[in-house]
Amino acid sequence: MEVKVVYLGLIADVTRRKEERVKLDSEIKFSEFLSMLFIKYPKLKELSEKLELIFLVNGIKYRDDERLHDGDEVAIMTVPSGG
């Protein structure tokens, strides 16, 4: 199973990549997947503790209990701001 992860804006700077494909053994809950990313990218976890992040699965805001499926796309970004 494979999930595409897209890192936008500041998140791309922190992870040093714009996107990647993550192979998984089976479907997992989004919250478990996020924990995996935080282990892989400790600076992403640090950033999530300072700023509000937006997580989308196939263009829709995620739910913690949502399961990821083969071919899903996860996008991670900071909350847009401006003035």
PDB file of N, CA and C in Angstrom:
ATOM      1  N   MET A   1       0.857  -1.169   0.000  1.00  0.00           N
ATOM      2  CA  MET A   1       0.000   0.000   0.000  1.00  0.00           C
ATOM      3  C   MET A   1       0.899   1.226   0.000  1.00  0.00           C
ATOM      4  N   GLU A   2       0.467   2.282  -0.723  1.00  0.00           N
ATOM      5  CA  GLU A   2       1.270   3.490  -0.831  1.00  0.00           C
ATOM      6  C   GLU A   2       0.398   4.727  -0.699  1.00  0.00           C
ATOM      7  N   VAL A   3       0.900   5.713   0.050  1.00  0.00           N
ATOM      8  CA  VAL A   3       0.203   6.978   0.266  1.00  0.00           C
ATOM      9  C   VAL A   3       1.130   8.100  -0.202  1.00  0.00           C
ATOM     10  N   LYS A   4       0.588   9.043  -0.939  1.00  0.00           N
ATOM     11  CA  LYS A   4       1.366  10.205  -1.375  1.00  0.00           C
ATOM     12  C   LYS A   4       1.195  11.309  -0.335  1.00  0.00           C
ATOM     13  N   VAL A   5       2.313  11.902   0.092  1.00  0.00           N
ATOM     14  CA  VAL A   5       2.276  12.993   1.061  1.00  0.00           C
ATOM     15  C   VAL A   5       2.830  14.242   0.383  1.00  0.00           C
ATOM     16  N   VAL A   6       2.069  15.330   0.447  1.00  0.00           N
ATOM     17  CA  VAL A   6       2.465  16.606  -0.144  1.00  0.00           C
ATOM     18  C   VAL A   6       2.710  17.599   0.983  1.00  0.00           C
ATOM     19  N   TYR A   7       3.900  18.177   0.997  1.00  0.00           N
ATOM     20  CA  TYR A   7       4.280  19.147   2.019  1.00  0.00           C
ATOM     21  C   TYR A   7       4.251  20.540   1.391  1.00  0.00           C
ATOM     22  N   LEU A   8       3.472  21.438   1.965  1.00  0.00           N
ATOM     23  CA  LEU A   8       3.279  22.764   1.377  1.00  0.00           C
ATOM     24  C   LEU A   8       3.883  23.856   2.252  1.00  0.00           C
ATOM     25  N   GLY A   9       4.442  24.885   1.594  1.00  0.00           N
ATOM     26  CA  GLY A   9       4.946  26.063   2.297  1.00  0.00           C
ATOM     27  C   GLY A   9       6.027  25.742   3.305  1.00  0.00           C
ATOM     28  N   LEU A  10       5.845  26.240   4.511  1.00  0.00           N
ATOM     29  CA  LEU A  10       6.807  26.059   5.589  1.00  0.00           C
ATOM     30  C   LEU A  10       7.056  24.583   5.893  1.00  0.00           C
ATOM     31  N   ILE A  11       6.056  23.755   5.690  1.00  0.00           N
ATOM     32  CA  ILE A  11       6.205  22.315   5.952  1.00  0.00           C
ATOM     33  C   ILE A  11       7.240  21.717   5.002  1.00  0.00           C
ATOM     34  N   ALA A  12       7.247  22.157   3.748  1.00  0.00           N
ATOM     35  CA  ALA A  12       8.256  21.686   2.793  1.00  0.00           C
ATOM     36  C   ALA A  12       9.653  22.101   3.245  1.00  0.00           C
ATOM     37  N   ASP A  13       9.772  23.289   3.816  1.00  0.00           N
ATOM     38  CA  ASP A  13      11.075  23.736   4.330  1.00  0.00           C
ATOM     39  C   ASP A  13      11.540  22.856   5.487  1.00  0.00           C
ATOM     40  N   VAL A  14      10.641  22.516   6.381  1.00  0.00           N
ATOM     41  CA  VAL A  14      10.980  21.713   7.560  1.00  0.00           C
ATOM     42  C   VAL A  14      11.371  20.284   7.171  1.00  0.00           C
ATOM     43  N   THR A  15      10.636  19.696   6.236  1.00  0.00           N
ATOM     44  CA  THR A  15      10.906  18.314   5.836  1.00  0.00           C
ATOM     45  C   THR A  15      11.964  18.219   4.732  1.00  0.00           C
ATOM     46  N   ARG A  16      12.245  19.354   4.110  1.00  0.00           N
ATOM     47  CA  ARG A  16      13.203  19.430   3.000  1.00  0.00           C
ATOM     48  C   ARG A  16      12.764  18.620   1.780  1.00  0.00           C
ATOM     49  N   ARG A  17      11.452  18.553   1.618  1.00  0.00           N
ATOM     50  CA  ARG A  17      10.901  17.911   0.421  1.00  0.00           C
ATOM     51  C   ARG A  17       9.501  18.442   0.173  1.00  0.00           C
ATOM     52  N   LYS A  18       9.096  18.399  -1.092  1.00  0.00           N
ATOM     53  CA  LYS A  18       7.761  18.874  -1.456  1.00  0.00           C
ATOM     54  C   LYS A  18       6.740  17.751  -1.414  1.00  0.00           C
ATOM     55  N   GLU A  19       7.213  16.549  -1.681  1.00  0.00           N
ATOM     56  CA  GLU A  19       6.307  15.400  -1.617  1.00  0.00           C
ATOM     57  C   GLU A  19       7.116  14.118  -1.506  1.00  0.00           C
ATOM     58  N   GLU A  20       6.432  13.080  -1.121  1.00  0.00           N
ATOM     59  CA  GLU A  20       7.043  11.752  -1.071  1.00  0.00           C
ATOM     60  C   GLU A  20       5.938  10.706  -1.093  1.00  0.00           C
ATOM     61  N   ARG A  21       6.323   9.518  -1.431  1.00  0.00           N
ATOM     62  CA  ARG A  21       5.405   8.381  -1.378  1.00  0.00           C
ATOM     63  C   ARG A  21       5.836   7.513  -0.216  1.00  0.00           C
ATOM     64  N   VAL A  22       4.882   7.171   0.635  1.00  0.00           N
ATOM     65  CA  VAL A  22       5.168   6.378   1.831  1.00  0.00           C
ATOM     66  C   VAL A  22       4.515   5.010   1.673  1.00  0.00           C
ATOM     67  N   LYS A  23       5.324   3.982   1.778  1.00  0.00           N
ATOM     68  CA  LYS A  23       4.805   2.616   1.682  1.00  0.00           C
ATOM     69  C   LYS A  23       4.391   2.145   3.077  1.00  0.00           C
ATOM     70  N   LEU A  24       3.221   1.535   3.133  1.00  0.00           N
ATOM     71  CA  LEU A  24       2.679   1.011   4.390  1.00  0.00           C
ATOM     72  C   LEU A  24       2.313  -0.451   4.189  1.00  0.00           C
ATOM     73  N   ASP A  25       2.404  -1.221   5.254  1.00  0.00           N
ATOM     74  CA  ASP A  25       2.063  -2.636   5.164  1.00  0.00           C
ATOM     75  C   ASP A  25       0.565  -2.865   5.015  1.00  0.00           C
ATOM     76  N   SER A  26      -0.220  -1.978   5.637  1.00  0.00           N
ATOM     77  CA  SER A  26      -1.675  -2.130   5.586  1.00  0.00           C
ATOM     78  C   SER A  26      -2.325  -0.784   5.889  1.00  0.00           C
ATOM     79  N   GLU A  27      -3.648  -0.752   5.782  1.00  0.00           N
ATOM     80  CA  GLU A  27      -4.373   0.471   6.120  1.00  0.00           C
ATOM     81  C   GLU A  27      -4.166   0.786   7.597  1.00  0.00           C
ATOM     82  N   ILE A  28      -3.955   2.074   7.904  1.00  0.00           N
ATOM     83  CA  ILE A  28      -3.796   2.503   9.295  1.00  0.00           C
ATOM     84  C   ILE A  28      -4.627   3.753   9.525  1.00  0.00           C
ATOM     85  N   LYS A  29      -4.873   4.053  10.788  1.00  0.00           N
ATOM     86  CA  LYS A  29      -5.582   5.283  11.126  1.00  0.00           C
ATOM     87  C   LYS A  29      -4.690   6.472  10.823  1.00  0.00           C
ATOM     88  N   PHE A  30      -5.324   7.587  10.469  1.00  0.00           N
ATOM     89  CA  PHE A  30      -4.567   8.786  10.167  1.00  0.00           C
ATOM     90  C   PHE A  30      -3.686   9.179  11.348  1.00  0.00           C
ATOM     91  N   SER A  31      -4.201   9.070  12.559  1.00  0.00           N
ATOM     92  CA  SER A  31      -3.433   9.462  13.747  1.00  0.00           C
ATOM     93  C   SER A  31      -2.152   8.623  13.878  1.00  0.00           C
ATOM     94  N   GLU A  32      -2.212   7.350  13.509  1.00  0.00           N
ATOM     95  CA  GLU A  32      -1.023   6.496  13.540  1.00  0.00           C
ATOM     96  C   GLU A  32      -0.019   6.921  12.468  1.00  0.00           C
ATOM     97  N   PHE A  33      -0.547   7.268  11.304  1.00  0.00           N
ATOM     98  CA  PHE A  33       0.302   7.732  10.213  1.00  0.00           C
ATOM     99  C   PHE A  33       1.013   9.024  10.605  1.00  0.00           C
ATOM    100  N   LEU A  34       0.274   9.925  11.229  1.00  0.00           N
ATOM    101  CA  LEU A  34       0.850  11.194  11.665  1.00  0.00           C
ATOM    102  C   LEU A  34       1.964  10.953  12.689  1.00  0.00           C
ATOM    103  N   SER A  35       1.768  10.025  13.592  1.00  0.00           N
ATOM    104  CA  SER A  35       2.814   9.683  14.565  1.00  0.00           C
ATOM    105  C   SER A  35       4.074   9.195  13.858  1.00  0.00           C
ATOM    106  N   MET A  36       3.898   8.415  12.794  1.00  0.00           N
ATOM    107  CA  MET A  36       5.045   7.943  12.011  1.00  0.00           C
ATOM    108  C   MET A  36       5.799   9.117  11.397  1.00  0.00           C
ATOM    109  N   LEU A  37       5.055  10.076  10.850  1.00  0.00           N
ATOM    110  CA  LEU A  37       5.700  11.241  10.247  1.00  0.00           C
ATOM    111  C   LEU A  37       6.439  12.063  11.292  1.00  0.00           C
ATOM    112  N   PHE A  38       5.865  12.197  12.477  1.00  0.00           N
ATOM    113  CA  PHE A  38       6.512  12.965  13.535  1.00  0.00           C
ATOM    114  C   PHE A  38       7.811  12.291  13.992  1.00  0.00           C
ATOM    115  N   ILE A  39       7.873  10.977  13.940  1.00  0.00           N
ATOM    116  CA  ILE A  39       9.118  10.272  14.272  1.00  0.00           C
ATOM    117  C   ILE A  39      10.154  10.508  13.169  1.00  0.00           C
ATOM    118  N   LYS A  40       9.707  10.444  11.924  1.00  0.00           N
ATOM    119  CA  LYS A  40      10.610  10.639  10.791  1.00  0.00           C
ATOM    120  C   LYS A  40      11.104  12.088  10.711  1.00  0.00           C
ATOM    121  N   TYR A  41      10.209  13.025  11.039  1.00  0.00           N
ATOM    122  CA  TYR A  41      10.539  14.451  10.960  1.00  0.00           C
ATOM    123  C   TYR A  41      10.281  15.114  12.314  1.00  0.00           C
ATOM    124  N   PRO A  42      11.218  15.017  13.256  1.00  0.00           N
ATOM    125  CA  PRO A  42      11.012  15.604  14.588  1.00  0.00           C
ATOM    126  C   PRO A  42      10.720  17.110  14.531  1.00  0.00           C
ATOM    127  N   LYS A  43      11.300  17.801  13.555  1.00  0.00           N
ATOM    128  CA  LYS A  43      11.045  19.244  13.448  1.00  0.00           C
ATOM    129  C   LYS A  43       9.588  19.523  13.061  1.00  0.00           C
ATOM    130  N   LEU A  44       8.971  18.595  12.353  1.00  0.00           N
ATOM    131  CA  LEU A  44       7.555  18.739  12.014  1.00  0.00           C
ATOM    132  C   LEU A  44       6.716  18.667  13.283  1.00  0.00           C
ATOM    133  N   LYS A  45       7.067  17.765  14.171  1.00  0.00           N
ATOM    134  CA  LYS A  45       6.345  17.669  15.452  1.00  0.00           C
ATOM    135  C   LYS A  45       6.528  18.947  16.249  1.00  0.00           C
ATOM    136  N   GLU A  46       7.756  19.450  16.319  1.00  0.00           N
ATOM    137  CA  GLU A  46       8.022  20.706  17.032  1.00  0.00           C
ATOM    138  C   GLU A  46       7.184  21.837  16.454  1.00  0.00           C
ATOM    139  N   LEU A  47       7.121  21.905  15.130  1.00  0.00           N
ATOM    140  CA  LEU A  47       6.334  22.952  14.480  1.00  0.00           C
ATOM    141  C   LEU A  47       4.857  22.812  14.811  1.00  0.00           C
ATOM    142  N   SER A  48       4.361  21.582  14.880  1.00  0.00           N
ATOM    143  CA  SER A  48       2.940  21.356  15.168  1.00  0.00           C
ATOM    144  C   SER A  48       2.576  21.794  16.582  1.00  0.00           C
ATOM    145  N   GLU A  49       3.583  21.871  17.453  1.00  0.00           N
ATOM    146  CA  GLU A  49       3.334  22.313  18.822  1.00  0.00           C
ATOM    147  C   GLU A  49       3.314  23.842  18.926  1.00  0.00           C
ATOM    148  N   LYS A  50       3.842  24.520  17.897  1.00  0.00           N
ATOM    149  CA  LYS A  50       3.908  25.983  17.898  1.00  0.00           C
ATOM    150  C   LYS A  50       2.856  26.621  16.997  1.00  0.00           C
ATOM    151  N   LEU A  51       2.557  25.964  15.892  1.00  0.00           N
ATOM    152  CA  LEU A  51       1.625  26.507  14.905  1.00  0.00           C
ATOM    153  C   LEU A  51       0.497  25.519  14.640  1.00  0.00           C
ATOM    154  N   GLU A  52      -0.621  26.040  14.230  1.00  0.00           N
ATOM    155  CA  GLU A  52      -1.721  25.159  13.831  1.00  0.00           C
ATOM    156  C   GLU A  52      -1.448  24.651  12.424  1.00  0.00           C
ATOM    157  N   LEU A  53      -1.504  23.339  12.258  1.00  0.00           N
ATOM    158  CA  LEU A  53      -1.295  22.728  10.956  1.00  0.00           C
ATOM    159  C   LEU A  53      -2.625  22.231  10.406  1.00  0.00           C
ATOM    160  N   ILE A  54      -2.710  22.207   9.102  1.00  0.00           N
ATOM    161  CA  ILE A  54      -3.894  21.679   8.419  1.00  0.00           C
ATOM    162  C   ILE A  54      -3.485  20.380   7.734  1.00  0.00           C
ATOM    163  N   PHE A  55      -4.288  19.343   7.931  1.00  0.00           N
ATOM    164  CA  PHE A  55      -4.053  18.042   7.319  1.00  0.00           C
ATOM    165  C   PHE A  55      -5.273  17.702   6.467  1.00  0.00           C
ATOM    166  N   LEU A  56      -5.024  17.431   5.195  1.00  0.00           N
ATOM    167  CA  LEU A  56      -6.095  17.052   4.280  1.00  0.00           C
ATOM    168  C   LEU A  56      -5.825  15.652   3.743  1.00  0.00           C
ATOM    169  N   VAL A  57      -6.857  14.854   3.657  1.00  0.00           N
ATOM    170  CA  VAL A  57      -6.770  13.544   3.022  1.00  0.00           C
ATOM    171  C   VAL A  57      -7.672  13.599   1.804  1.00  0.00           C
ATOM    172  N   ASN A  58      -7.067  13.489   0.631  1.00  0.00           N
ATOM    173  CA  ASN A  58      -7.803  13.599  -0.638  1.00  0.00           C
ATOM    174  C   ASN A  58      -8.607  14.896  -0.698  1.00  0.00           C
ATOM    175  N   GLY A  59      -8.010  15.978  -0.175  1.00  0.00           N
ATOM    176  CA  GLY A  59      -8.615  17.308  -0.260  1.00  0.00           C
ATOM    177  C   GLY A  59      -9.632  17.629   0.818  1.00  0.00           C
ATOM    178  N   ILE A  60      -9.842  16.725   1.771  1.00  0.00           N
ATOM    179  CA  ILE A  60     -10.842  16.923   2.823  1.00  0.00           C
ATOM    180  C   ILE A  60     -10.145  16.852   4.178  1.00  0.00           C
ATOM    181  N   LYS A  61     -10.531  17.756   5.093  1.00  0.00           N
ATOM    182  CA  LYS A  61      -9.920  17.753   6.425  1.00  0.00           C
ATOM    183  C   LYS A  61     -10.084  16.372   7.053  1.00  0.00           C
ATOM    184  N   TYR A  62      -9.009  15.885   7.634  1.00  0.00           N
ATOM    185  CA  TYR A  62      -8.988  14.525   8.177  1.00  0.00           C
ATOM    186  C   TYR A  62      -9.766  14.406   9.480  1.00  0.00           C
ATOM    187  N   ARG A  63     -10.064  13.158   9.831  1.00  0.00           N
ATOM    188  CA  ARG A  63     -10.583  12.805  11.162  1.00  0.00           C
ATOM    189  C   ARG A  63      -9.590  11.817  11.756  1.00  0.00           C
ATOM    190  N   ASP A  64      -9.351  11.912  13.073  1.00  0.00           N
ATOM    191  CA  ASP A  64      -8.370  11.038  13.733  1.00  0.00           C
ATOM    192  C   ASP A  64      -8.617   9.560  13.472  1.00  0.00           C
ATOM    193  N   ASP A  65      -9.896   9.174  13.428  1.00  0.00           N
ATOM    194  CA  ASP A  65     -10.200   7.751  13.284  1.00  0.00           C
ATOM    195  C   ASP A  65     -10.269   7.308  11.822  1.00  0.00           C
ATOM    196  N   GLU A  66     -10.072   8.247  10.900  1.00  0.00           N
ATOM    197  CA  GLU A  66     -10.117   7.923   9.479  1.00  0.00           C
ATOM    198  C   GLU A  66      -8.947   7.008   9.120  1.00  0.00           C
ATOM    199  N   ARG A  67      -9.218   6.018   8.292  1.00  0.00           N
ATOM    200  CA  ARG A  67      -8.169   5.096   7.856  1.00  0.00           C
ATOM    201  C   ARG A  67      -7.657   5.537   6.491  1.00  0.00           C
ATOM    202  N   LEU A  68      -6.348   5.410   6.317  1.00  0.00           N
ATOM    203  CA  LEU A  68      -5.748   5.709   5.027  1.00  0.00           C
ATOM    204  C   LEU A  68      -5.814   4.467   4.156  1.00  0.00           C
ATOM    205  N   HIS A  69      -6.028   4.693   2.859  1.00  0.00           N
ATOM    206  CA  HIS A  69      -6.143   3.599   1.900  1.00  0.00           C
ATOM    207  C   HIS A  69      -5.085   3.758   0.813  1.00  0.00           C
ATOM    208  N   ASP A  70      -4.834   2.694   0.104  1.00  0.00           N
ATOM    209  CA  ASP A  70      -3.882   2.724  -0.993  1.00  0.00           C
ATOM    210  C   ASP A  70      -4.266   3.819  -1.986  1.00  0.00           C
ATOM    211  N   GLY A  71      -3.285   4.653  -2.335  1.00  0.00           N
ATOM    212  CA  GLY A  71      -3.518   5.713  -3.310  1.00  0.00           C
ATOM    213  C   GLY A  71      -3.991   7.027  -2.722  1.00  0.00           C
ATOM    214  N   ASP A  72      -4.259   7.080  -1.420  1.00  0.00           N
ATOM    215  CA  ASP A  72      -4.683   8.342  -0.796  1.00  0.00           C
ATOM    216  C   ASP A  72      -3.580   9.384  -0.902  1.00  0.00           C
ATOM    217  N   GLU A  73      -3.996  10.657  -0.898  1.00  0.00           N
ATOM    218  CA  GLU A  73      -3.051  11.762  -0.880  1.00  0.00           C
ATOM    219  C   GLU A  73      -3.266  12.567   0.392  1.00  0.00           C
ATOM    220  N   VAL A  74      -2.193  12.765   1.146  1.00  0.00           N
ATOM    221  CA  VAL A  74      -2.215  13.551   2.370  1.00  0.00           C
ATOM    222  C   VAL A  74      -1.468  14.844   2.101  1.00  0.00           C
ATOM    223  N   ALA A  75      -2.100  15.986   2.367  1.00  0.00           N
ATOM    224  CA  ALA A  75      -1.454  17.288   2.219  1.00  0.00           C
ATOM    225  C   ALA A  75      -1.315  17.907   3.616  1.00  0.00           C
ATOM    226  N   ILE A  76      -0.142  18.481   3.874  1.00  0.00           N
ATOM    227  CA  ILE A  76       0.120  19.109   5.172  1.00  0.00           C
ATOM    228  C   ILE A  76       0.585  20.534   4.934  1.00  0.00           C
ATOM    229  N   MET A  77      -0.059  21.487   5.635  1.00  0.00           N
ATOM    230  CA  MET A  77       0.289  22.894   5.475  1.00  0.00           C
ATOM    231  C   MET A  77       0.025  23.640   6.774  1.00  0.00           C
ATOM    232  N   THR A  78       0.574  24.827   6.872  1.00  0.00           N
ATOM    233  CA  THR A  78       0.264  25.684   8.004  1.00  0.00           C
ATOM    234  C   THR A  78      -1.002  26.469   7.668  1.00  0.00           C
ATOM    235  N   VAL A  79      -1.641  27.020   8.688  1.00  0.00           N
ATOM    236  CA  VAL A  79      -2.828  27.826   8.474  1.00  0.00           C
ATOM    237  C   VAL A  79      -2.405  29.110   7.746  1.00  0.00           C
ATOM    238  N   PRO A  80      -3.048  29.422   6.621  1.00  0.00           N
ATOM    239  CA  PRO A  80      -2.690  30.650   5.906  1.00  0.00           C
ATOM    240  C   PRO A  80      -2.972  31.877   6.758  1.00  0.00           C
ATOM    241  N   SER A  81      -2.112  32.867   6.629  1.00  0.00           N
ATOM    242  CA  SER A  81      -2.332  34.116   7.338  1.00  0.00           C
ATOM    243  C   SER A  81      -1.942  35.271   6.425  1.00  0.00           C
ATOM    244  N   GLY A  82      -2.420  36.405   6.740  1.00  0.00           N
ATOM    245  CA  GLY A  82      -2.110  37.566   5.921  1.00  0.00           C
ATOM    246  C   GLY A  82      -2.773  38.785   6.471  1.00  0.00           C
ATOM    247  N   GLY A  83      -2.595  39.837   5.802  1.00  0.00           N
ATOM    248  CA  GLY A  83      -3.191  41.045   6.326  1.00  0.00           C
ATOM    249  C   GLY A  83      -3.397  42.103   5.322  1.00  0.00           C
TER     250      GLY A  83
END
